[in-house]
Amino acid sequence: MKTLSKTVTAVAALTLALIAGQPAFAAKKEAAPAAAAAPAAADGGAVIPGLGVASFDAIIANSNAFKAAETQRQTTYKAQYDQAKSRSDALNAQIKPLVDKFNADRAGGKVADAQLQQQAVAVQQLQESGRAELQRILQPVSLSQAYVTEQIEDKLNDAVKAGMRKRRVSILISPDAILAVNGGAYNLNQDILNELNTLLPAAQLVPPAGWVPRQQREQQAQQQAQQPATGGR
């Protein structure tokens, strides 16, 4: 069984959080789309035996190994977090006057469009380089979360199989694939989570030297396989 878990890395989350404070160009405000209402559970109805529902993302995020690593990471990588926060504050201070000038010039109507475009490009380039810099600073954090998540995913398949076996479930589907469900009769999240916590009580936080995430390893292996063979016969 191949896991389909999609976990947002810490570097992406923190980088967005740090950059979020940067000033933005003035723009027309649009109403945010209303959140989709959760489907109401059906009242009554027969429970279909052998059918279960589970969210791998929720199971991973609520596992003991994942939560413990999230807490430990704040201490282990405090230097990187502090450096990123300090650099983000400096970037914000550098960018804000440029954005304020752009908005004022555009509102005044006395600056040519070509000059406004140059100002906008300069600000955007500074923001992009700032994001890249923060990502480099937080790369050890990103690798740590990818390493922890991979360890959990390596045990998830066995946990899913054990949870399905104990609940006598033969078909497991994602919550995204259903419109409504009758209460918690089909929910296997807790069952799988219990099995996962048993299989992996804790994960290693710091990856070994030279470690790269599975997707990158697979890409490297594919590239090597595609390279023509060298040397004589």
C-alpha atoms as a PDB file:
ATOM      1  CA  MET A   1       0.000   0.000   0.000  1.00  0.00           C
ATOM      2  CA  LYS A   2       1.456   3.316  -1.018  1.00  0.00           C
ATOM      3  CA  THR A   3       0.877   6.210   1.354  1.00  0.00           C
ATOM      4  CA  LEU A   4      -0.452   9.423  -0.131  1.00  0.00           C
ATOM      5  CA  SER A   5       0.299  11.701   2.794  1.00  0.00           C
ATOM      6  CA  LYS A   6       1.038  15.336   1.991  1.00  0.00           C
ATOM      7  CA  THR A   7       2.725  17.097   4.887  1.00  0.00           C
ATOM      8  CA  VAL A   8       3.654  20.743   4.718  1.00  0.00           C
ATOM      9  CA  THR A   9       7.281  21.188   5.671  1.00  0.00           C
ATOM     10  CA  ALA A  10       8.286  23.418   8.556  1.00  0.00           C
ATOM     11  CA  VAL A  11      10.467  25.568   6.340  1.00  0.00           C
ATOM     12  CA  ALA A  12       7.550  26.459   4.078  1.00  0.00           C
ATOM     13  CA  ALA A  13       5.236  27.205   6.972  1.00  0.00           C
ATOM     14  CA  LEU A  14       7.745  29.308   8.858  1.00  0.00           C
ATOM     15  CA  THR A  15       8.973  31.141   5.782  1.00  0.00           C
ATOM     16  CA  LEU A  16       5.422  32.122   4.885  1.00  0.00           C
ATOM     17  CA  ALA A  17       4.784  33.202   8.465  1.00  0.00           C
ATOM     18  CA  LEU A  18       7.891  35.375   8.518  1.00  0.00           C
ATOM     19  CA  ILE A  19       7.275  36.863   5.083  1.00  0.00           C
ATOM     20  CA  ALA A  20       3.599  37.453   5.836  1.00  0.00           C
ATOM     21  CA  GLY A  21       4.497  40.552   7.806  1.00  0.00           C
ATOM     22  CA  GLN A  22       6.084  42.221   4.799  1.00  0.00           C
ATOM     23  CA  PRO A  23       4.164  45.181   3.367  1.00  0.00           C
ATOM     24  CA  ALA A  24       2.240  44.585   0.191  1.00  0.00           C
ATOM     25  CA  PHE A  25       1.276  46.766  -2.712  1.00  0.00           C
ATOM     26  CA  ALA A  26      -2.056  48.482  -2.293  1.00  0.00           C
ATOM     27  CA  ALA A  27      -4.704  46.550  -4.177  1.00  0.00           C
ATOM     28  CA  LYS A  28      -8.430  46.345  -4.467  1.00  0.00           C
ATOM     29  CA  LYS A  29      -9.805  44.255  -1.646  1.00  0.00           C
ATOM     30  CA  GLU A  30     -11.903  41.284  -2.590  1.00  0.00           C
ATOM     31  CA  ALA A  31     -14.110  39.338  -0.316  1.00  0.00           C
ATOM     32  CA  ALA A  32     -12.568  36.052   0.764  1.00  0.00           C
ATOM     33  CA  PRO A  33     -14.498  33.013  -0.371  1.00  0.00           C
ATOM     34  CA  ALA A  34     -16.683  31.564   2.334  1.00  0.00           C
ATOM     35  CA  ALA A  35     -15.430  28.334   3.836  1.00  0.00           C
ATOM     36  CA  ALA A  36     -17.281  25.335   2.580  1.00  0.00           C
ATOM     37  CA  ALA A  37     -19.677  23.987   5.123  1.00  0.00           C
ATOM     38  CA  ALA A  38     -18.868  20.550   6.439  1.00  0.00           C
ATOM     39  CA  PRO A  39     -21.302  17.927   5.193  1.00  0.00           C
ATOM     40  CA  ALA A  40     -23.857  16.940   7.770  1.00  0.00           C
ATOM     41  CA  ALA A  41     -23.758  13.381   8.983  1.00  0.00           C
ATOM     42  CA  ALA A  42     -26.629  11.281   7.804  1.00  0.00           C
ATOM     43  CA  ASP A  43     -29.229  10.347  10.420  1.00  0.00           C
ATOM     44  CA  GLY A  44     -29.856   6.643  10.734  1.00  0.00           C
ATOM     45  CA  GLY A  45     -29.162   4.271   7.906  1.00  0.00           C
ATOM     46  CA  ALA A  46     -27.495   0.897   7.807  1.00  0.00           C
ATOM     47  CA  VAL A  47     -23.759   0.640   8.390  1.00  0.00           C
ATOM     48  CA  ILE A  48     -21.983  -1.101   5.526  1.00  0.00           C
ATOM     49  CA  PRO A  49     -19.647  -3.775   6.923  1.00  0.00           C
ATOM     50  CA  GLY A  50     -16.059  -3.851   5.699  1.00  0.00           C
ATOM     51  CA  LEU A  51     -15.919  -0.151   4.810  1.00  0.00           C
ATOM     52  CA  GLY A  52     -13.745   2.411   6.592  1.00  0.00           C
ATOM     53  CA  VAL A  53     -12.659   6.048   6.302  1.00  0.00           C
ATOM     54  CA  ALA A  54      -9.282   7.453   7.334  1.00  0.00           C
ATOM     55  CA  SER A  55      -7.212  10.583   6.790  1.00  0.00           C
ATOM     56  CA  PHE A  56      -3.500   9.775   6.615  1.00  0.00           C
ATOM     57  CA  ASP A  57      -2.570  13.438   6.992  1.00  0.00           C
ATOM     58  CA  ALA A  58      -4.522  13.727  10.230  1.00  0.00           C
ATOM     59  CA  ILE A  59      -3.108  10.467  11.558  1.00  0.00           C
ATOM     60  CA  ILE A  60       0.486  11.538  10.900  1.00  0.00           C
ATOM     61  CA  ALA A  61      -0.031  14.996  12.402  1.00  0.00           C
ATOM     62  CA  ASN A  62      -1.582  13.517  15.555  1.00  0.00           C
ATOM     63  CA  SER A  63       0.970  10.757  16.054  1.00  0.00           C
ATOM     64  CA  ASN A  64       3.104  10.848  19.176  1.00  0.00           C
ATOM     65  CA  ALA A  65       6.297  10.799  17.124  1.00  0.00           C
ATOM     66  CA  PHE A  66       5.257  13.798  15.015  1.00  0.00           C
ATOM     67  CA  LYS A  67       4.030  15.916  17.935  1.00  0.00           C
ATOM     68  CA  ALA A  68       7.095  15.178  20.049  1.00  0.00           C
ATOM     69  CA  ALA A  69       9.385  16.109  17.166  1.00  0.00           C
ATOM     70  CA  GLU A  70       7.525  19.380  16.596  1.00  0.00           C
ATOM     71  CA  THR A  71       8.144  20.325  20.237  1.00  0.00           C
ATOM     72  CA  GLN A  72      11.776  19.207  20.308  1.00  0.00           C
ATOM     73  CA  ARG A  73      12.537  21.018  17.073  1.00  0.00           C
ATOM     74  CA  GLN A  74      11.841  24.397  18.670  1.00  0.00           C
ATOM     75  CA  THR A  75      14.799  23.828  20.987  1.00  0.00           C
ATOM     76  CA  THR A  76      17.144  21.879  18.717  1.00  0.00           C
ATOM     77  CA  TYR A  77      16.860  24.398  15.879  1.00  0.00           C
ATOM     78  CA  LYS A  78      16.354  27.524  17.944  1.00  0.00           C
ATOM     79  CA  ALA A  79      19.405  29.179  16.368  1.00  0.00           C
ATOM     80  CA  GLN A  80      17.961  28.765  12.879  1.00  0.00           C
ATOM     81  CA  TYR A  81      14.527  30.005  13.946  1.00  0.00           C
ATOM     82  CA  ASP A  82      16.026  33.045  15.659  1.00  0.00           C
ATOM     83  CA  GLN A  83      18.278  33.837  12.698  1.00  0.00           C
ATOM     84  CA  ALA A  84      15.368  33.581  10.280  1.00  0.00           C
ATOM     85  CA  LYS A  85      13.181  35.810  12.452  1.00  0.00           C
ATOM     86  CA  SER A  86      15.919  38.416  12.741  1.00  0.00           C
ATOM     87  CA  ARG A  87      16.580  38.394   9.006  1.00  0.00           C
ATOM     88  CA  SER A  88      12.872  38.582   8.237  1.00  0.00           C
ATOM     89  CA  ASP A  89      12.505  41.656  10.449  1.00  0.00           C
ATOM     90  CA  ALA A  90      15.423  43.293   8.635  1.00  0.00           C
ATOM     91  CA  LEU A  91      13.889  42.495   5.254  1.00  0.00           C
ATOM     92  CA  ASN A  92      10.565  43.941   6.339  1.00  0.00           C
ATOM     93  CA  ALA A  93      12.277  47.155   7.427  1.00  0.00           C
ATOM     94  CA  GLN A  94      14.082  47.349   4.084  1.00  0.00           C
ATOM     95  CA  ILE A  95      11.038  46.649   1.936  1.00  0.00           C
ATOM     96  CA  LYS A  96       8.405  48.769   3.701  1.00  0.00           C
ATOM     97  CA  PRO A  97       9.753  52.193   2.618  1.00  0.00           C
ATOM     98  CA  LEU A  98       9.958  51.005  -0.994  1.00  0.00           C
ATOM     99  CA  VAL A  99       6.389  49.769  -0.944  1.00  0.00           C
ATOM    100  CA  ASP A 100       5.162  52.950   0.753  1.00  0.00           C
ATOM    101  CA  LYS A 101       6.852  55.047  -1.937  1.00  0.00           C
ATOM    102  CA  PHE A 102       5.360  52.946  -4.708  1.00  0.00           C
ATOM    103  CA  ASN A 103       1.850  53.252  -3.284  1.00  0.00           C
ATOM    104  CA  ALA A 104       2.255  57.007  -2.752  1.00  0.00           C
ATOM    105  CA  ASP A 105       3.625  57.583  -6.271  1.00  0.00           C
ATOM    106  CA  ARG A 106       0.837  55.556  -7.819  1.00  0.00           C
ATOM    107  CA  ALA A 107      -1.829  57.355  -5.798  1.00  0.00           C
ATOM    108  CA  GLY A 108      -0.355  60.772  -6.670  1.00  0.00           C
ATOM    109  CA  GLY A 109      -0.670  60.133 -10.390  1.00  0.00           C
ATOM    110  CA  LYS A 110       2.479  62.105 -11.211  1.00  0.00           C
ATOM    111  CA  VAL A 111       4.881  59.256 -11.782  1.00  0.00           C
ATOM    112  CA  ALA A 112       5.082  57.554 -15.172  1.00  0.00           C
ATOM    113  CA  ASP A 113       3.862  53.985 -15.450  1.00  0.00           C
ATOM    114  CA  ALA A 114       7.282  52.827 -16.611  1.00  0.00           C
ATOM    115  CA  GLN A 115       8.881  54.162 -13.447  1.00  0.00           C
ATOM    116  CA  LEU A 116       6.182  52.581 -11.294  1.00  0.00           C
ATOM    117  CA  GLN A 117       6.838  49.289 -13.028  1.00  0.00           C
ATOM    118  CA  GLN A 118      10.538  49.557 -12.217  1.00  0.00           C
ATOM    119  CA  GLN A 119       9.741  50.196  -8.572  1.00  0.00           C
ATOM    120  CA  ALA A 120       7.400  47.220  -8.444  1.00  0.00           C
ATOM    121  CA  VAL A 121       9.966  44.907 -10.034  1.00  0.00           C
ATOM    122  CA  ALA A 122      12.646  46.049  -7.583  1.00  0.00           C
ATOM    123  CA  VAL A 123      10.402  45.292  -4.614  1.00  0.00           C
ATOM    124  CA  GLN A 124       9.343  41.905  -5.973  1.00  0.00           C
ATOM    125  CA  GLN A 125      12.956  40.913  -6.607  1.00  0.00           C
ATOM    126  CA  LEU A 126      13.880  41.899  -3.076  1.00  0.00           C
ATOM    127  CA  GLN A 127      10.995  39.864  -1.678  1.00  0.00           C
ATOM    128  CA  GLU A 128      11.914  36.819  -3.751  1.00  0.00           C
ATOM    129  CA  SER A 129      15.570  36.964  -2.751  1.00  0.00           C
ATOM    130  CA  GLY A 130      14.461  37.352   0.866  1.00  0.00           C
ATOM    131  CA  ARG A 131      12.313  34.233   0.671  1.00  0.00           C
ATOM    132  CA  ALA A 132      15.197  32.289  -0.849  1.00  0.00           C
ATOM    133  CA  GLU A 133      17.520  33.483   1.907  1.00  0.00           C
ATOM    134  CA  LEU A 134      15.083  32.452   4.632  1.00  0.00           C
ATOM    135  CA  GLN A 135      14.679  29.043   3.023  1.00  0.00           C
ATOM    136  CA  ARG A 136      18.449  28.561   3.071  1.00  0.00           C
ATOM    137  CA  ILE A 137      18.583  29.518   6.744  1.00  0.00           C
ATOM    138  CA  LEU A 138      15.751  27.127   7.574  1.00  0.00           C
ATOM    139  CA  GLN A 139      16.956  24.252   5.406  1.00  0.00           C
ATOM    140  CA  PRO A 140      18.064  22.189   8.448  1.00  0.00           C
ATOM    141  CA  VAL A 141      14.556  22.614   9.865  1.00  0.00           C
ATOM    142  CA  SER A 142      13.012  21.502   6.589  1.00  0.00           C
ATOM    143  CA  LEU A 143      15.221  18.422   6.435  1.00  0.00           C
ATOM    144  CA  SER A 144      14.372  17.558  10.032  1.00  0.00           C
ATOM    145  CA  GLN A 145      10.647  17.599   9.412  1.00  0.00           C
ATOM    146  CA  ALA A 146      11.004  15.645   6.176  1.00  0.00           C
ATOM    147  CA  TYR A 147      13.131  13.084   8.031  1.00  0.00           C
ATOM    148  CA  VAL A 148      10.590  12.682  10.831  1.00  0.00           C
ATOM    149  CA  THR A 149       7.679  12.460   8.408  1.00  0.00           C
ATOM    150  CA  GLU A 150       9.445   9.824   6.329  1.00  0.00           C
ATOM    151  CA  GLN A 151      10.062   7.689   9.406  1.00  0.00           C
ATOM    152  CA  ILE A 152       6.362   7.887  10.253  1.00  0.00           C
ATOM    153  CA  GLU A 153       5.273   7.123   6.696  1.00  0.00           C
ATOM    154  CA  ASP A 154       7.529   4.072   6.695  1.00  0.00           C
ATOM    155  CA  LYS A 155       5.431   2.652   9.561  1.00  0.00           C
ATOM    156  CA  LEU A 156       2.069   3.955   8.374  1.00  0.00           C
ATOM    157  CA  ASN A 157       1.330   1.123   5.958  1.00  0.00           C
ATOM    158  CA  ASP A 158       1.727  -1.485   8.675  1.00  0.00           C
ATOM    159  CA  ALA A 159      -0.422   0.586  11.031  1.00  0.00           C
ATOM    160  CA  VAL A 160      -3.151   0.902   8.400  1.00  0.00           C
ATOM    161  CA  LYS A 161      -3.166  -2.838   7.740  1.00  0.00           C
ATOM    162  CA  ALA A 162      -3.308  -3.625  11.470  1.00  0.00           C
ATOM    163  CA  GLY A 163      -6.117  -1.144  12.076  1.00  0.00           C
ATOM    164  CA  MET A 164      -8.132  -2.506   9.150  1.00  0.00           C
ATOM    165  CA  ARG A 165      -7.592  -6.069  10.305  1.00  0.00           C
ATOM    166  CA  LYS A 166      -8.771  -5.358  13.854  1.00  0.00           C
ATOM    167  CA  ARG A 167     -11.868  -3.510  12.648  1.00  0.00           C
ATOM    168  CA  ARG A 168     -12.452  -6.107   9.898  1.00  0.00           C
ATOM    169  CA  VAL A 169     -12.317  -3.466   7.218  1.00  0.00           C
ATOM    170  CA  SER A 170     -11.542  -4.523   3.657  1.00  0.00           C
ATOM    171  CA  ILE A 171     -12.042  -1.166   1.864  1.00  0.00           C
ATOM    172  CA  LEU A 172     -10.516   2.067   3.165  1.00  0.00           C
ATOM    173  CA  ILE A 173     -11.284   5.426   1.518  1.00  0.00           C
ATOM    174  CA  SER A 174     -10.286   9.024   2.088  1.00  0.00           C
ATOM    175  CA  PRO A 175     -12.722  11.547   3.642  1.00  0.00           C
ATOM    176  CA  ASP A 176     -12.317  13.599   0.468  1.00  0.00           C
ATOM    177  CA  ALA A 177     -14.018  10.838  -1.497  1.00  0.00           C
ATOM    178  CA  ILE A 178     -17.307  10.958   0.407  1.00  0.00           C
ATOM    179  CA  LEU A 179     -20.060  13.545   0.703  1.00  0.00           C
ATOM    180  CA  ALA A 180     -21.441  12.480   4.063  1.00  0.00           C
ATOM    181  CA  VAL A 181     -20.907   9.756   6.633  1.00  0.00           C
ATOM    182  CA  ASN A 182     -23.156   8.312   9.318  1.00  0.00           C
ATOM    183  CA  GLY A 183     -21.466   9.353  12.569  1.00  0.00           C
ATOM    184  CA  GLY A 184     -18.169   7.697  13.440  1.00  0.00           C
ATOM    185  CA  ALA A 185     -19.094   4.176  12.453  1.00  0.00           C
ATOM    186  CA  TYR A 186     -16.585   4.173   9.589  1.00  0.00           C
ATOM    187  CA  ASN A 187     -13.806   6.295  11.116  1.00  0.00           C
ATOM    188  CA  LEU A 188     -10.549   4.364  11.481  1.00  0.00           C
ATOM    189  CA  ASN A 189      -8.314   7.325  12.350  1.00  0.00           C
ATOM    190  CA  GLN A 190      -7.968   6.465  16.028  1.00  0.00           C
ATOM    191  CA  ASP A 191      -7.480   2.762  15.358  1.00  0.00           C
ATOM    192  CA  ILE A 192      -4.675   3.418  12.906  1.00  0.00           C
ATOM    193  CA  LEU A 193      -3.209   6.099  15.153  1.00  0.00           C
ATOM    194  CA  ASN A 194      -3.044   3.658  18.065  1.00  0.00           C
ATOM    195  CA  GLU A 195      -1.206   1.152  15.899  1.00  0.00           C
ATOM    196  CA  LEU A 196       1.176   3.822  14.584  1.00  0.00           C
ATOM    197  CA  ASN A 197       2.030   5.038  18.082  1.00  0.00           C
ATOM    198  CA  THR A 198       2.863   1.458  19.033  1.00  0.00           C
ATOM    199  CA  LEU A 199       5.010   0.861  15.968  1.00  0.00           C
ATOM    200  CA  LEU A 200       6.844   4.199  16.254  1.00  0.00           C
ATOM    201  CA  PRO A 201       6.638   5.781  19.745  1.00  0.00           C
ATOM    202  CA  ALA A 202       9.281   8.382  18.817  1.00  0.00           C
ATOM    203  CA  ALA A 203      11.246   9.420  15.752  1.00  0.00           C
ATOM    204  CA  GLN A 204      14.810  10.604  15.327  1.00  0.00           C
ATOM    205  CA  LEU A 205      14.804  14.387  15.019  1.00  0.00           C
ATOM    206  CA  VAL A 206      18.141  15.156  13.336  1.00  0.00           C
ATOM    207  CA  PRO A 207      18.831  13.444   9.994  1.00  0.00           C
ATOM    208  CA  PRO A 208      22.255  11.904   9.422  1.00  0.00           C
ATOM    209  CA  ALA A 209      24.828  13.817   7.427  1.00  0.00           C
ATOM    210  CA  GLY A 210      24.084  13.828   3.730  1.00  0.00           C
ATOM    211  CA  TRP A 211      20.508  12.632   4.123  1.00  0.00           C
ATOM    212  CA  VAL A 212      17.996  13.835   1.519  1.00  0.00           C
ATOM    213  CA  PRO A 213      14.223  13.256   1.343  1.00  0.00           C
ATOM    214  CA  ARG A 214      12.848  10.183  -0.425  1.00  0.00           C
ATOM    215  CA  GLN A 215      11.545  12.124  -3.427  1.00  0.00           C
ATOM    216  CA  GLN A 216      14.979  13.609  -4.041  1.00  0.00           C
ATOM    217  CA  ARG A 217      16.644  10.205  -3.639  1.00  0.00           C
ATOM    218  CA  GLU A 218      14.245   8.720  -6.166  1.00  0.00           C
ATOM    219  CA  GLN A 219      14.926  11.543  -8.611  1.00  0.00           C
ATOM    220  CA  GLN A 220      18.662  11.053  -8.231  1.00  0.00           C
ATOM    221  CA  ALA A 221      18.314   7.309  -8.791  1.00  0.00           C
ATOM    222  CA  GLN A 222      16.186   7.919 -11.891  1.00  0.00           C
ATOM    223  CA  GLN A 223      18.723  10.358 -13.293  1.00  0.00           C
ATOM    224  CA  GLN A 224      21.550   7.891 -12.733  1.00  0.00           C
ATOM    225  CA  ALA A 225      19.553   5.125 -14.387  1.00  0.00           C
ATOM    226  CA  GLN A 226      18.983   7.296 -17.450  1.00  0.00           C
ATOM    227  CA  GLN A 227      22.667   8.123 -17.880  1.00  0.00           C
ATOM    228  CA  PRO A 228      24.294   6.091 -20.668  1.00  0.00           C
ATOM    229  CA  ALA A 229      26.669   3.381 -19.536  1.00  0.00           C
ATOM    230  CA  THR A 230      30.378   4.266 -19.858  1.00  0.00           C
ATOM    231  CA  GLY A 231      33.435   2.136 -20.263  1.00  0.00           C
ATOM    232  CA  GLY A 232      34.333  -0.633 -22.599  1.00  0.00           C
ATOM    233  CA  ARG A 233      32.839  -4.066 -22.746  1.00  0.00           C
END
